[in-house]
Amino acid sequence: MAKVYLGLGTNMGDKEMNLRTAVQWINDRIGEVTSLSSFYETAPWGFVSDNSFLNGAVCVKTELMPLEVLHRTQAIERELGRTHKSVNGVYSDRIIDIDLLLYEDVVMQSPELTLPHPLMTERGFVLEPLAEIAREVVHPVRKQTIGELYSFYKAMLKEE
């Protein structure tokens, strides 16, 4: 069984229901959800929108391999009504976004998937909920805990 961490986000419709439905479907289709963070309201990142986001993170125990997890999260996104993914740094409003952040200590780069998620350490809306449920987990590339990375992120914000 592998421990997988997923980031969740939504900024359309009934946001809390979108996240709760995604969590239930993740539990049903990917593996047992063993931890769920609080939900955090955040501003859009990388684009302008009148809609704030609701973000969270989950830990899942799964027997699936990383690409299988990715494909199932993408299927959940489509079934919940997501019509397109962000491409080349162009972001837009979305009913649901599920990002595969960490899969155990796997480091991989393929055309389809990069692990750990390449932008996770730059995004407070990912680090804050992840730190809530995975504070002591070590980032396999940075060799720092998620708690340390989140503290560093917060300190960088204060300096700006």
C-alpha atoms as a PDB file:
ATOM      1  CA  MET A   1       0.000   0.000   0.000  1.00  0.00           C
ATOM      2  CA  ALA A   2       1.296   3.422  -0.950  1.00  0.00           C
ATOM      3  CA  LYS A   3       0.567   6.714   0.800  1.00  0.00           C
ATOM      4  CA  VAL A   4      -0.499   9.368  -1.668  1.00  0.00           C
ATOM      5  CA  TYR A   5      -1.194  13.046  -1.009  1.00  0.00           C
ATOM      6  CA  LEU A   6      -3.663  14.902  -3.205  1.00  0.00           C
ATOM      7  CA  GLY A   7      -4.447  18.614  -3.318  1.00  0.00           C
ATOM      8  CA  LEU A   8      -8.044  19.648  -3.944  1.00  0.00           C
ATOM      9  CA  GLY A   9      -9.489  22.927  -5.165  1.00  0.00           C
ATOM     10  CA  THR A  10     -12.715  24.431  -6.469  1.00  0.00           C
ATOM     11  CA  ASN A  11     -14.037  27.914  -7.159  1.00  0.00           C
ATOM     12  CA  MET A  12     -17.397  27.289  -8.823  1.00  0.00           C
ATOM     13  CA  GLY A  13     -20.811  26.233  -7.559  1.00  0.00           C
ATOM     14  CA  ASP A  14     -21.266  24.703  -4.100  1.00  0.00           C
ATOM     15  CA  LYS A  15     -17.580  24.589  -3.264  1.00  0.00           C
ATOM     16  CA  GLU A  16     -17.780  22.571  -0.063  1.00  0.00           C
ATOM     17  CA  MET A  17     -20.045  20.011  -1.728  1.00  0.00           C
ATOM     18  CA  ASN A  18     -17.634  19.794  -4.676  1.00  0.00           C
ATOM     19  CA  LEU A  19     -14.751  18.974  -2.317  1.00  0.00           C
ATOM     20  CA  ARG A  20     -16.747  16.549  -0.185  1.00  0.00           C
ATOM     21  CA  THR A  21     -17.980  14.708  -3.288  1.00  0.00           C
ATOM     22  CA  ALA A  22     -14.438  14.508  -4.670  1.00  0.00           C
ATOM     23  CA  VAL A  23     -13.169  13.112  -1.357  1.00  0.00           C
ATOM     24  CA  GLN A  24     -15.903  10.449  -1.333  1.00  0.00           C
ATOM     25  CA  TRP A  25     -15.160   9.445  -4.919  1.00  0.00           C
ATOM     26  CA  ILE A  26     -11.425   9.341  -4.187  1.00  0.00           C
ATOM     27  CA  ASN A  27     -12.179   7.021  -1.270  1.00  0.00           C
ATOM     28  CA  ASP A  28     -14.383   4.834  -3.490  1.00  0.00           C
ATOM     29  CA  ARG A  29     -12.139   4.741  -6.578  1.00  0.00           C
ATOM     30  CA  ILE A  30      -8.526   5.276  -5.521  1.00  0.00           C
ATOM     31  CA  GLY A  31      -8.144   4.076  -1.948  1.00  0.00           C
ATOM     32  CA  GLU A  32      -8.928   4.712   1.673  1.00  0.00           C
ATOM     33  CA  VAL A  33      -8.837   8.392   2.609  1.00  0.00           C
ATOM     34  CA  THR A  34      -6.932   8.312   5.907  1.00  0.00           C
ATOM     35  CA  SER A  35      -6.603  12.082   6.483  1.00  0.00           C
ATOM     36  CA  LEU A  36      -8.562  15.101   5.319  1.00  0.00           C
ATOM     37  CA  SER A  37      -7.439  18.652   6.008  1.00  0.00           C
ATOM     38  CA  SER A  38      -9.650  21.557   6.838  1.00  0.00           C
ATOM     39  CA  PHE A  39     -10.896  23.540   3.855  1.00  0.00           C
ATOM     40  CA  TYR A  40      -9.208  26.898   3.247  1.00  0.00           C
ATOM     41  CA  GLU A  41     -10.621  29.838   1.304  1.00  0.00           C
ATOM     42  CA  THR A  42      -7.958  31.338  -0.951  1.00  0.00           C
ATOM     43  CA  ALA A  43      -7.568  33.830  -3.769  1.00  0.00           C
ATOM     44  CA  PRO A  44      -7.078  32.574  -7.345  1.00  0.00           C
ATOM     45  CA  TRP A  45      -3.451  31.786  -8.203  1.00  0.00           C
ATOM     46  CA  GLY A  46      -2.075  32.465 -11.665  1.00  0.00           C
ATOM     47  CA  PHE A  47      -5.211  34.141 -13.051  1.00  0.00           C
ATOM     48  CA  VAL A  48      -7.863  36.741 -12.227  1.00  0.00           C
ATOM     49  CA  SER A  49     -11.327  35.658 -11.115  1.00  0.00           C
ATOM     50  CA  ASP A  50     -14.160  37.038  -9.014  1.00  0.00           C
ATOM     51  CA  ASN A  51     -14.485  33.579  -7.427  1.00  0.00           C
ATOM     52  CA  SER A  52     -12.364  32.615  -4.435  1.00  0.00           C
ATOM     53  CA  PHE A  53     -11.176  29.033  -4.094  1.00  0.00           C
ATOM     54  CA  LEU A  54     -11.828  26.446  -1.439  1.00  0.00           C
ATOM     55  CA  ASN A  55      -8.774  24.181  -1.065  1.00  0.00           C
ATOM     56  CA  GLY A  56      -7.904  21.099   0.919  1.00  0.00           C
ATOM     57  CA  ALA A  57      -5.658  18.049   0.962  1.00  0.00           C
ATOM     58  CA  VAL A  58      -6.138  14.330   1.523  1.00  0.00           C
ATOM     59  CA  CYS A  59      -3.936  11.374   2.304  1.00  0.00           C
ATOM     60  CA  VAL A  60      -4.955   8.166   0.563  1.00  0.00           C
ATOM     61  CA  LYS A  61      -3.707   4.612   1.027  1.00  0.00           C
ATOM     62  CA  THR A  62      -3.797   2.938  -2.369  1.00  0.00           C
ATOM     63  CA  GLU A  63      -2.603  -0.094  -4.262  1.00  0.00           C
ATOM     64  CA  LEU A  64      -2.610   1.884  -7.521  1.00  0.00           C
ATOM     65  CA  MET A  65       0.552   3.006  -9.277  1.00  0.00           C
ATOM     66  CA  PRO A  66       1.145   6.773  -9.788  1.00  0.00           C
ATOM     67  CA  LEU A  67      -0.195   6.968 -13.359  1.00  0.00           C
ATOM     68  CA  GLU A  68      -3.265   4.965 -12.356  1.00  0.00           C
ATOM     69  CA  VAL A  69      -3.910   7.466  -9.550  1.00  0.00           C
ATOM     70  CA  LEU A  70      -3.510  10.333 -12.036  1.00  0.00           C
ATOM     71  CA  HIS A  71      -5.922   8.786 -14.533  1.00  0.00           C
ATOM     72  CA  ARG A  72      -8.528   8.128 -11.858  1.00  0.00           C
ATOM     73  CA  THR A  73      -8.292  11.656 -10.456  1.00  0.00           C
ATOM     74  CA  GLN A  74      -8.697  13.024 -13.988  1.00  0.00           C
ATOM     75  CA  ALA A  75     -11.763  10.816 -14.494  1.00  0.00           C
ATOM     76  CA  ILE A  76     -13.253  12.128 -11.228  1.00  0.00           C
ATOM     77  CA  GLU A  77     -12.609  15.711 -12.390  1.00  0.00           C
ATOM     78  CA  ARG A  78     -14.397  15.033 -15.692  1.00  0.00           C
ATOM     79  CA  GLU A  79     -17.347  13.308 -14.006  1.00  0.00           C
ATOM     80  CA  LEU A  80     -17.746  16.214 -11.593  1.00  0.00           C
ATOM     81  CA  GLY A  81     -17.947  18.594 -14.559  1.00  0.00           C
ATOM     82  CA  ARG A  82     -14.436  19.854 -15.220  1.00  0.00           C
ATOM     83  CA  THR A  83     -14.216  20.514 -18.925  1.00  0.00           C
ATOM     84  CA  HIS A  84     -10.530  21.368 -19.416  1.00  0.00           C
ATOM     85  CA  LYS A  85      -7.209  21.334 -17.602  1.00  0.00           C
ATOM     86  CA  SER A  86      -4.830  24.248 -17.273  1.00  0.00           C
ATOM     87  CA  VAL A  87      -2.336  24.261 -20.129  1.00  0.00           C
ATOM     88  CA  ASN A  88       0.996  26.078 -20.375  1.00  0.00           C
ATOM     89  CA  GLY A  89       0.368  28.169 -17.281  1.00  0.00           C
ATOM     90  CA  VAL A  90      -3.076  29.355 -18.437  1.00  0.00           C
ATOM     91  CA  TYR A  91      -5.503  28.851 -15.564  1.00  0.00           C
ATOM     92  CA  SER A  92      -9.252  29.329 -15.337  1.00  0.00           C
ATOM     93  CA  ASP A  93     -12.209  28.835 -13.016  1.00  0.00           C
ATOM     94  CA  ARG A  94     -12.918  25.199 -12.275  1.00  0.00           C
ATOM     95  CA  ILE A  95     -15.518  23.111 -10.531  1.00  0.00           C
ATOM     96  CA  ILE A  96     -12.833  20.741  -9.245  1.00  0.00           C
ATOM     97  CA  ASP A  97      -9.078  20.356  -9.432  1.00  0.00           C
ATOM     98  CA  ILE A  98      -7.285  17.322  -8.027  1.00  0.00           C
ATOM     99  CA  ASP A  99      -3.492  17.415  -8.038  1.00  0.00           C
ATOM    100  CA  LEU A 100      -1.266  14.446  -7.292  1.00  0.00           C
ATOM    101  CA  LEU A 101       1.270  16.071  -4.942  1.00  0.00           C
ATOM    102  CA  LEU A 102       3.263  13.192  -3.458  1.00  0.00           C
ATOM    103  CA  TYR A 103       3.319   9.441  -3.989  1.00  0.00           C
ATOM    104  CA  GLU A 104       5.418   7.980  -1.169  1.00  0.00           C
ATOM    105  CA  ASP A 105       8.980   9.194  -1.853  1.00  0.00           C
ATOM    106  CA  VAL A 106       8.726   8.628  -5.605  1.00  0.00           C
ATOM    107  CA  VAL A 107      10.547  11.083  -7.850  1.00  0.00           C
ATOM    108  CA  MET A 108       9.560  10.805 -11.499  1.00  0.00           C
ATOM    109  CA  GLN A 109       9.208  12.881 -14.607  1.00  0.00           C
ATOM    110  CA  SER A 110       7.251  11.743 -17.613  1.00  0.00           C
ATOM    111  CA  PRO A 111       5.277  13.592 -20.284  1.00  0.00           C
ATOM    112  CA  GLU A 112       2.143  12.847 -18.270  1.00  0.00           C
ATOM    113  CA  LEU A 113       3.228  13.202 -14.640  1.00  0.00           C
ATOM    114  CA  THR A 114       5.927  14.831 -12.543  1.00  0.00           C
ATOM    115  CA  LEU A 115       6.372  13.777  -8.912  1.00  0.00           C
ATOM    116  CA  PRO A 116       6.533  15.422  -6.543  1.00  0.00           C
ATOM    117  CA  HIS A 117       4.214  18.079  -7.983  1.00  0.00           C
ATOM    118  CA  PRO A 118       6.617  20.687  -9.412  1.00  0.00           C
ATOM    119  CA  LEU A 119       4.776  23.788  -8.130  1.00  0.00           C
ATOM    120  CA  MET A 120       3.590  22.578  -4.741  1.00  0.00           C
ATOM    121  CA  THR A 121       6.279  24.422  -2.749  1.00  0.00           C
ATOM    122  CA  GLU A 122       5.332  27.733  -4.417  1.00  0.00           C
ATOM    123  CA  ARG A 123       1.654  27.523  -3.531  1.00  0.00           C
ATOM    124  CA  GLY A 124       0.428  28.408  -0.068  1.00  0.00           C
ATOM    125  CA  PHE A 125      -3.004  27.028  -0.922  1.00  0.00           C
ATOM    126  CA  VAL A 126      -1.319  23.619  -1.349  1.00  0.00           C
ATOM    127  CA  LEU A 127       1.197  23.804   1.509  1.00  0.00           C
ATOM    128  CA  GLU A 128      -1.185  25.000   4.227  1.00  0.00           C
ATOM    129  CA  PRO A 129      -3.701  22.134   4.057  1.00  0.00           C
ATOM    130  CA  LEU A 130      -0.923  19.637   3.284  1.00  0.00           C
ATOM    131  CA  ALA A 131       1.050  20.771   6.346  1.00  0.00           C
ATOM    132  CA  GLU A 132      -2.058  20.186   8.447  1.00  0.00           C
ATOM    133  CA  ILE A 133      -2.121  16.463   7.571  1.00  0.00           C
ATOM    134  CA  ALA A 134       1.494  15.758   6.566  1.00  0.00           C
ATOM    135  CA  ARG A 135       3.679  18.110   8.618  1.00  0.00           C
ATOM    136  CA  GLU A 136       6.432  15.495   9.156  1.00  0.00           C
ATOM    137  CA  VAL A 137       6.409  14.015   5.644  1.00  0.00           C
ATOM    138  CA  VAL A 138       9.710  14.700   3.879  1.00  0.00           C
ATOM    139  CA  HIS A 139       9.656  16.181   0.379  1.00  0.00           C
ATOM    140  CA  PRO A 140      11.695  13.634  -1.633  1.00  0.00           C
ATOM    141  CA  VAL A 141      13.617  16.270  -3.627  1.00  0.00           C
ATOM    142  CA  ARG A 142      13.958  19.166  -1.185  1.00  0.00           C
ATOM    143  CA  LYS A 143      14.690  16.830   1.761  1.00  0.00           C
ATOM    144  CA  GLN A 144      12.682  19.092   4.084  1.00  0.00           C
ATOM    145  CA  THR A 145       9.443  18.298   5.859  1.00  0.00           C
ATOM    146  CA  ILE A 146       6.193  19.755   4.559  1.00  0.00           C
ATOM    147  CA  GLY A 147       5.997  21.721   7.823  1.00  0.00           C
ATOM    148  CA  GLU A 148       9.440  23.242   7.168  1.00  0.00           C
ATOM    149  CA  LEU A 149       8.513  24.080   3.576  1.00  0.00           C
ATOM    150  CA  TYR A 150       5.292  25.760   4.715  1.00  0.00           C
ATOM    151  CA  SER A 151       7.142  27.765   7.389  1.00  0.00           C
ATOM    152  CA  PHE A 152       9.683  28.869   4.780  1.00  0.00           C
ATOM    153  CA  TYR A 153       6.852  29.858   2.412  1.00  0.00           C
ATOM    154  CA  LYS A 154       5.182  31.957   5.116  1.00  0.00           C
ATOM    155  CA  ALA A 155       8.478  33.640   5.993  1.00  0.00           C
ATOM    156  CA  MET A 156       9.045  34.518   2.328  1.00  0.00           C
ATOM    157  CA  LEU A 157       5.610  36.176   2.180  1.00  0.00           C
ATOM    158  CA  LYS A 158       6.470  38.369   5.181  1.00  0.00           C
ATOM    159  CA  GLU A 159       9.643  39.588   3.438  1.00  0.00           C
ATOM    160  CA  GLU A 160       7.765  40.738   0.312  1.00  0.00           C
END
